[in-house]
């Protein structure tokens, strides 16, 4: 069936595909970056697979979303290395996430739970963002954990920036987020704070 004029076709994606949910796309590209995106950037993002001129679909393939994240980084932060672009975009994402219903609820809960419990519940937090992320939480000692994300799609800095901003929102003091291991997908971060 052909879409009506002015509508775009909904991609045929099987549930087994790794997808990022609409609330993440909206948080970053609409709420956090909307007015900051040039026409050229919007066109490049459209060519990357997300057309911001239309109503967003319920989900986007993981590869599509992170391709568009890289495009936004190139456009918004020229002259900055890609890893730092991603850290900056992860931070900006959280600012947009705070403006959504899901984000407000999650960040209010984080403030109430504190840093450790927020980190411990990270797997649940990612379930509202995508259908594929596995999170391993390992407490080293009070105020220090190792958090392993199963899939960072080649942009671990994005997750580092989002994580740092979210934990500061949760009240973490003297926070340090450092990548311990990264294999191109899977990333382990050592997170320390003053308990």
C-alpha atoms as a PDB file:
ATOM      1  CA  UNK A   1       0.000   0.000   0.000  1.00  0.00           C
ATOM      2  CA  UNK A   2       1.375   3.387  -1.005  1.00  0.00           C
ATOM      3  CA  UNK A   3       1.527   6.169   1.616  1.00  0.00           C
ATOM      4  CA  UNK A   4      -0.777   9.154   1.163  1.00  0.00           C
ATOM      5  CA  UNK A   5       0.727  12.266  -0.403  1.00  0.00           C
ATOM      6  CA  UNK A   6       2.869  14.120   2.167  1.00  0.00           C
ATOM      7  CA  UNK A   7       3.407  11.007   4.277  1.00  0.00           C
ATOM      8  CA  UNK A   8       6.532   8.934   4.274  1.00  0.00           C
ATOM      9  CA  UNK A   9       6.500   5.158   4.194  1.00  0.00           C
ATOM     10  CA  UNK A  10       6.958   3.338   7.489  1.00  0.00           C
ATOM     11  CA  UNK A  11       9.980   1.038   7.270  1.00  0.00           C
ATOM     12  CA  UNK A  12       9.298  -2.676   7.458  1.00  0.00           C
ATOM     13  CA  UNK A  13      11.416  -3.724  10.427  1.00  0.00           C
ATOM     14  CA  UNK A  14      11.164  -7.127  12.054  1.00  0.00           C
ATOM     15  CA  UNK A  15      11.173  -7.179  15.881  1.00  0.00           C
ATOM     16  CA  UNK A  16      14.516  -9.011  15.830  1.00  0.00           C
ATOM     17  CA  UNK A  17      16.253  -5.916  14.474  1.00  0.00           C
ATOM     18  CA  UNK A  18      18.167  -3.729  16.899  1.00  0.00           C
ATOM     19  CA  UNK A  19      16.258  -0.468  17.172  1.00  0.00           C
ATOM     20  CA  UNK A  20      16.394   2.825  19.032  1.00  0.00           C
ATOM     21  CA  UNK A  21      12.993   4.060  20.213  1.00  0.00           C
ATOM     22  CA  UNK A  22      11.347   7.312  19.180  1.00  0.00           C
ATOM     23  CA  UNK A  23      11.803   8.994  22.585  1.00  0.00           C
ATOM     24  CA  UNK A  24      15.598   8.923  22.116  1.00  0.00           C
ATOM     25  CA  UNK A  25      15.417  10.359  18.597  1.00  0.00           C
ATOM     26  CA  UNK A  26      13.006  13.053  19.774  1.00  0.00           C
ATOM     27  CA  UNK A  27      15.130  13.891  22.828  1.00  0.00           C
ATOM     28  CA  UNK A  28      18.261  14.501  20.783  1.00  0.00           C
ATOM     29  CA  UNK A  29      17.175  15.789  17.395  1.00  0.00           C
ATOM     30  CA  UNK A  30      13.924  17.592  18.235  1.00  0.00           C
ATOM     31  CA  UNK A  31      14.085  18.781  21.829  1.00  0.00           C
ATOM     32  CA  UNK A  32      17.812  19.290  22.442  1.00  0.00           C
ATOM     33  CA  UNK A  33      19.051  20.223  18.964  1.00  0.00           C
ATOM     34  CA  UNK A  34      15.945  21.320  17.037  1.00  0.00           C
ATOM     35  CA  UNK A  35      16.664  25.035  16.649  1.00  0.00           C
ATOM     36  CA  UNK A  36      20.427  24.464  16.433  1.00  0.00           C
ATOM     37  CA  UNK A  37      20.258  22.293  13.317  1.00  0.00           C
ATOM     38  CA  UNK A  38      21.010  24.055  10.051  1.00  0.00           C
ATOM     39  CA  UNK A  39      19.062  23.192   6.907  1.00  0.00           C
ATOM     40  CA  UNK A  40      22.179  21.445   5.609  1.00  0.00           C
ATOM     41  CA  UNK A  41      22.375  19.343   8.797  1.00  0.00           C
ATOM     42  CA  UNK A  42      18.677  18.421   8.612  1.00  0.00           C
ATOM     43  CA  UNK A  43      19.171  17.370   4.980  1.00  0.00           C
ATOM     44  CA  UNK A  44      22.241  15.284   5.834  1.00  0.00           C
ATOM     45  CA  UNK A  45      20.338  13.616   8.700  1.00  0.00           C
ATOM     46  CA  UNK A  46      17.471  12.904   6.289  1.00  0.00           C
ATOM     47  CA  UNK A  47      19.945  11.332   3.858  1.00  0.00           C
ATOM     48  CA  UNK A  48      21.281   9.322   6.819  1.00  0.00           C
ATOM     49  CA  UNK A  49      17.824   7.841   7.400  1.00  0.00           C
ATOM     50  CA  UNK A  50      15.868  10.104   9.798  1.00  0.00           C
ATOM     51  CA  UNK A  51      13.606  12.678   8.197  1.00  0.00           C
ATOM     52  CA  UNK A  52      12.986  15.334  10.846  1.00  0.00           C
ATOM     53  CA  UNK A  53      10.476  17.149   8.614  1.00  0.00           C
ATOM     54  CA  UNK A  54       7.852  14.487   9.274  1.00  0.00           C
ATOM     55  CA  UNK A  55       6.360  12.912  12.367  1.00  0.00           C
ATOM     56  CA  UNK A  56       8.886  10.493  13.817  1.00  0.00           C
ATOM     57  CA  UNK A  57       8.219   6.770  13.582  1.00  0.00           C
ATOM     58  CA  UNK A  58       8.151   4.580  16.704  1.00  0.00           C
ATOM     59  CA  UNK A  59      11.721   3.349  16.228  1.00  0.00           C
ATOM     60  CA  UNK A  60      14.770   3.504  13.976  1.00  0.00           C
ATOM     61  CA  UNK A  61      17.420   0.944  13.210  1.00  0.00           C
ATOM     62  CA  UNK A  62      20.399   1.261  15.560  1.00  0.00           C
ATOM     63  CA  UNK A  63      22.803   1.838  12.656  1.00  0.00           C
ATOM     64  CA  UNK A  64      20.568   4.575  11.221  1.00  0.00           C
ATOM     65  CA  UNK A  65      20.327   6.464  14.497  1.00  0.00           C
ATOM     66  CA  UNK A  66      24.060   6.431  15.211  1.00  0.00           C
ATOM     67  CA  UNK A  67      24.903   7.350  11.605  1.00  0.00           C
ATOM     68  CA  UNK A  68      22.716  10.448  12.122  1.00  0.00           C
ATOM     69  CA  UNK A  69      24.322  11.128  15.517  1.00  0.00           C
ATOM     70  CA  UNK A  70      27.740  11.199  13.809  1.00  0.00           C
ATOM     71  CA  UNK A  71      26.374  13.581  11.159  1.00  0.00           C
ATOM     72  CA  UNK A  72      25.052  15.924  13.854  1.00  0.00           C
ATOM     73  CA  UNK A  73      28.440  15.854  15.590  1.00  0.00           C
ATOM     74  CA  UNK A  74      30.260  16.744  12.360  1.00  0.00           C
ATOM     75  CA  UNK A  75      27.853  19.594  11.622  1.00  0.00           C
ATOM     76  CA  UNK A  76      27.547  21.084  15.106  1.00  0.00           C
ATOM     77  CA  UNK A  77      31.122  20.704  16.335  1.00  0.00           C
ATOM     78  CA  UNK A  78      33.442  21.061  13.316  1.00  0.00           C
ATOM     79  CA  UNK A  79      37.114  21.027  14.154  1.00  0.00           C
ATOM     80  CA  UNK A  80      36.535  18.879  17.250  1.00  0.00           C
ATOM     81  CA  UNK A  81      37.657  15.238  17.143  1.00  0.00           C
ATOM     82  CA  UNK A  82      34.831  12.737  16.722  1.00  0.00           C
ATOM     83  CA  UNK A  83      35.126  11.241  20.195  1.00  0.00           C
ATOM     84  CA  UNK A  84      34.753  14.649  21.831  1.00  0.00           C
ATOM     85  CA  UNK A  85      31.865  15.459  19.469  1.00  0.00           C
ATOM     86  CA  UNK A  86      30.120  12.352  20.780  1.00  0.00           C
ATOM     87  CA  UNK A  87      30.746  13.261  24.439  1.00  0.00           C
ATOM     88  CA  UNK A  88      29.227  16.677  23.747  1.00  0.00           C
ATOM     89  CA  UNK A  89      26.203  15.173  21.960  1.00  0.00           C
ATOM     90  CA  UNK A  90      25.636  12.672  24.782  1.00  0.00           C
ATOM     91  CA  UNK A  91      25.519  15.575  27.213  1.00  0.00           C
ATOM     92  CA  UNK A  92      23.151  17.509  24.949  1.00  0.00           C
ATOM     93  CA  UNK A  93      20.957  14.402  24.584  1.00  0.00           C
ATOM     94  CA  UNK A  94      20.347  14.367  28.338  1.00  0.00           C
ATOM     95  CA  UNK A  95      19.240  17.996  28.208  1.00  0.00           C
ATOM     96  CA  UNK A  96      16.594  17.004  25.647  1.00  0.00           C
ATOM     97  CA  UNK A  97      15.729  13.832  27.554  1.00  0.00           C
ATOM     98  CA  UNK A  98      14.923  15.951  30.618  1.00  0.00           C
ATOM     99  CA  UNK A  99      12.191  17.618  28.554  1.00  0.00           C
ATOM    100  CA  UNK A 100      10.312  14.374  27.777  1.00  0.00           C
ATOM    101  CA  UNK A 101       7.778  12.631  29.994  1.00  0.00           C
ATOM    102  CA  UNK A 102       9.934   9.485  30.212  1.00  0.00           C
ATOM    103  CA  UNK A 103      13.041  11.578  30.870  1.00  0.00           C
ATOM    104  CA  UNK A 104      11.472  13.661  33.622  1.00  0.00           C
ATOM    105  CA  UNK A 105      10.253  10.503  35.360  1.00  0.00           C
ATOM    106  CA  UNK A 106      13.622   8.734  35.019  1.00  0.00           C
ATOM    107  CA  UNK A 107      15.668  11.712  36.196  1.00  0.00           C
ATOM    108  CA  UNK A 108      13.331  12.450  39.100  1.00  0.00           C
ATOM    109  CA  UNK A 109      13.702   8.818  40.173  1.00  0.00           C
ATOM    110  CA  UNK A 110      17.499   9.082  39.772  1.00  0.00           C
ATOM    111  CA  UNK A 111      17.600  12.117  42.024  1.00  0.00           C
ATOM    112  CA  UNK A 112      15.632  10.206  44.656  1.00  0.00           C
ATOM    113  CA  UNK A 113      17.661   6.961  44.312  1.00  0.00           C
ATOM    114  CA  UNK A 114      21.128   8.496  44.217  1.00  0.00           C
ATOM    115  CA  UNK A 115      24.166   7.542  42.184  1.00  0.00           C
ATOM    116  CA  UNK A 116      24.710   3.889  43.125  1.00  0.00           C
ATOM    117  CA  UNK A 117      21.102   2.775  42.766  1.00  0.00           C
ATOM    118  CA  UNK A 118      20.755   4.722  39.529  1.00  0.00           C
ATOM    119  CA  UNK A 119      23.762   2.875  38.111  1.00  0.00           C
ATOM    120  CA  UNK A 120      22.434  -0.448  39.375  1.00  0.00           C
ATOM    121  CA  UNK A 121      19.159   0.163  37.545  1.00  0.00           C
ATOM    122  CA  UNK A 122      20.879   1.210  34.309  1.00  0.00           C
ATOM    123  CA  UNK A 123      19.724  -1.915  32.452  1.00  0.00           C
ATOM    124  CA  UNK A 124      16.108  -0.943  33.127  1.00  0.00           C
ATOM    125  CA  UNK A 125      16.836   2.613  32.006  1.00  0.00           C
ATOM    126  CA  UNK A 126      18.138   1.427  28.650  1.00  0.00           C
ATOM    127  CA  UNK A 127      14.983  -0.636  28.056  1.00  0.00           C
ATOM    128  CA  UNK A 128      13.130   2.649  27.518  1.00  0.00           C
ATOM    129  CA  UNK A 129      15.700   3.632  24.872  1.00  0.00           C
ATOM    130  CA  UNK A 130      16.273   0.535  22.754  1.00  0.00           C
ATOM    131  CA  UNK A 131      15.635  -3.194  22.469  1.00  0.00           C
ATOM    132  CA  UNK A 132      19.182  -4.524  22.479  1.00  0.00           C
ATOM    133  CA  UNK A 133      21.389  -3.039  25.192  1.00  0.00           C
ATOM    134  CA  UNK A 134      22.695  -5.353  27.885  1.00  0.00           C
ATOM    135  CA  UNK A 135      24.243  -3.702  30.933  1.00  0.00           C
ATOM    136  CA  UNK A 136      26.552  -5.325  33.452  1.00  0.00           C
ATOM    137  CA  UNK A 137      26.936  -3.584  36.826  1.00  0.00           C
ATOM    138  CA  UNK A 138      29.863  -4.543  39.036  1.00  0.00           C
ATOM    139  CA  UNK A 139      30.461  -2.740  42.322  1.00  0.00           C
ATOM    140  CA  UNK A 140      34.176  -2.424  43.075  1.00  0.00           C
ATOM    141  CA  UNK A 141      33.749  -0.604  46.408  1.00  0.00           C
ATOM    142  CA  UNK A 142      31.603   2.175  47.830  1.00  0.00           C
ATOM    143  CA  UNK A 143      31.687   4.990  45.295  1.00  0.00           C
ATOM    144  CA  UNK A 144      33.220   2.929  42.482  1.00  0.00           C
ATOM    145  CA  UNK A 145      31.588   0.683  39.890  1.00  0.00           C
ATOM    146  CA  UNK A 146      32.366  -0.864  36.553  1.00  0.00           C
ATOM    147  CA  UNK A 147      29.516  -0.490  34.083  1.00  0.00           C
ATOM    148  CA  UNK A 148      29.683  -2.473  30.844  1.00  0.00           C
ATOM    149  CA  UNK A 149      27.433  -1.580  27.912  1.00  0.00           C
ATOM    150  CA  UNK A 150      27.080  -4.371  25.353  1.00  0.00           C
ATOM    151  CA  UNK A 151      26.719  -2.118  22.296  1.00  0.00           C
ATOM    152  CA  UNK A 152      27.915   1.456  21.940  1.00  0.00           C
ATOM    153  CA  UNK A 153      27.669   1.493  18.122  1.00  0.00           C
ATOM    154  CA  UNK A 154      31.163   2.892  17.622  1.00  0.00           C
ATOM    155  CA  UNK A 155      30.463   6.042  19.655  1.00  0.00           C
ATOM    156  CA  UNK A 156      31.337   5.278  23.297  1.00  0.00           C
ATOM    157  CA  UNK A 157      31.827   8.995  23.949  1.00  0.00           C
ATOM    158  CA  UNK A 158      28.110   9.557  23.349  1.00  0.00           C
ATOM    159  CA  UNK A 159      27.279   7.165  26.180  1.00  0.00           C
ATOM    160  CA  UNK A 160      30.006   8.622  28.370  1.00  0.00           C
ATOM    161  CA  UNK A 161      28.571  12.130  27.963  1.00  0.00           C
ATOM    162  CA  UNK A 162      24.991  11.003  28.610  1.00  0.00           C
ATOM    163  CA  UNK A 163      26.020   8.939  31.612  1.00  0.00           C
ATOM    164  CA  UNK A 164      28.046  11.745  33.158  1.00  0.00           C
ATOM    165  CA  UNK A 165      25.219  14.266  32.704  1.00  0.00           C
ATOM    166  CA  UNK A 166      22.605  11.858  34.082  1.00  0.00           C
ATOM    167  CA  UNK A 167      24.695  11.013  37.147  1.00  0.00           C
ATOM    168  CA  UNK A 168      25.341  14.672  37.886  1.00  0.00           C
ATOM    169  CA  UNK A 169      21.587  15.159  37.691  1.00  0.00           C
ATOM    170  CA  UNK A 170      21.257  12.285  40.196  1.00  0.00           C
ATOM    171  CA  UNK A 171      23.504  14.196  42.590  1.00  0.00           C
ATOM    172  CA  UNK A 172      26.889  12.514  42.068  1.00  0.00           C
ATOM    173  CA  UNK A 173      29.728  14.513  43.638  1.00  0.00           C
ATOM    174  CA  UNK A 174      33.371  14.393  42.517  1.00  0.00           C
ATOM    175  CA  UNK A 175      32.234  12.269  39.572  1.00  0.00           C
ATOM    176  CA  UNK A 176      34.772  10.677  37.220  1.00  0.00           C
ATOM    177  CA  UNK A 177      33.709   8.528  34.247  1.00  0.00           C
ATOM    178  CA  UNK A 178      36.619   6.789  32.514  1.00  0.00           C
ATOM    179  CA  UNK A 179      36.609   4.164  29.778  1.00  0.00           C
ATOM    180  CA  UNK A 180      38.423   1.036  30.931  1.00  0.00           C
ATOM    181  CA  UNK A 181      37.919  -1.198  27.899  1.00  0.00           C
ATOM    182  CA  UNK A 182      36.412  -0.780  24.461  1.00  0.00           C
ATOM    183  CA  UNK A 183      36.358  -3.233  21.542  1.00  0.00           C
ATOM    184  CA  UNK A 184      34.435  -1.201  18.962  1.00  0.00           C
ATOM    185  CA  UNK A 185      31.039  -2.204  20.378  1.00  0.00           C
ATOM    186  CA  UNK A 186      31.239  -3.256  24.006  1.00  0.00           C
ATOM    187  CA  UNK A 187      32.512  -0.626  26.440  1.00  0.00           C
ATOM    188  CA  UNK A 188      33.358  -0.829  30.142  1.00  0.00           C
ATOM    189  CA  UNK A 189      33.429   2.398  32.103  1.00  0.00           C
ATOM    190  CA  UNK A 190      34.881   2.891  35.558  1.00  0.00           C
ATOM    191  CA  UNK A 191      32.700   5.347  37.436  1.00  0.00           C
ATOM    192  CA  UNK A 192      33.821   6.889  40.715  1.00  0.00           C
ATOM    193  CA  UNK A 193      32.124   9.457  42.928  1.00  0.00           C
ATOM    194  CA  UNK A 194      32.066  10.588  46.520  1.00  0.00           C
ATOM    195  CA  UNK A 195      29.546   8.281  48.255  1.00  0.00           C
END
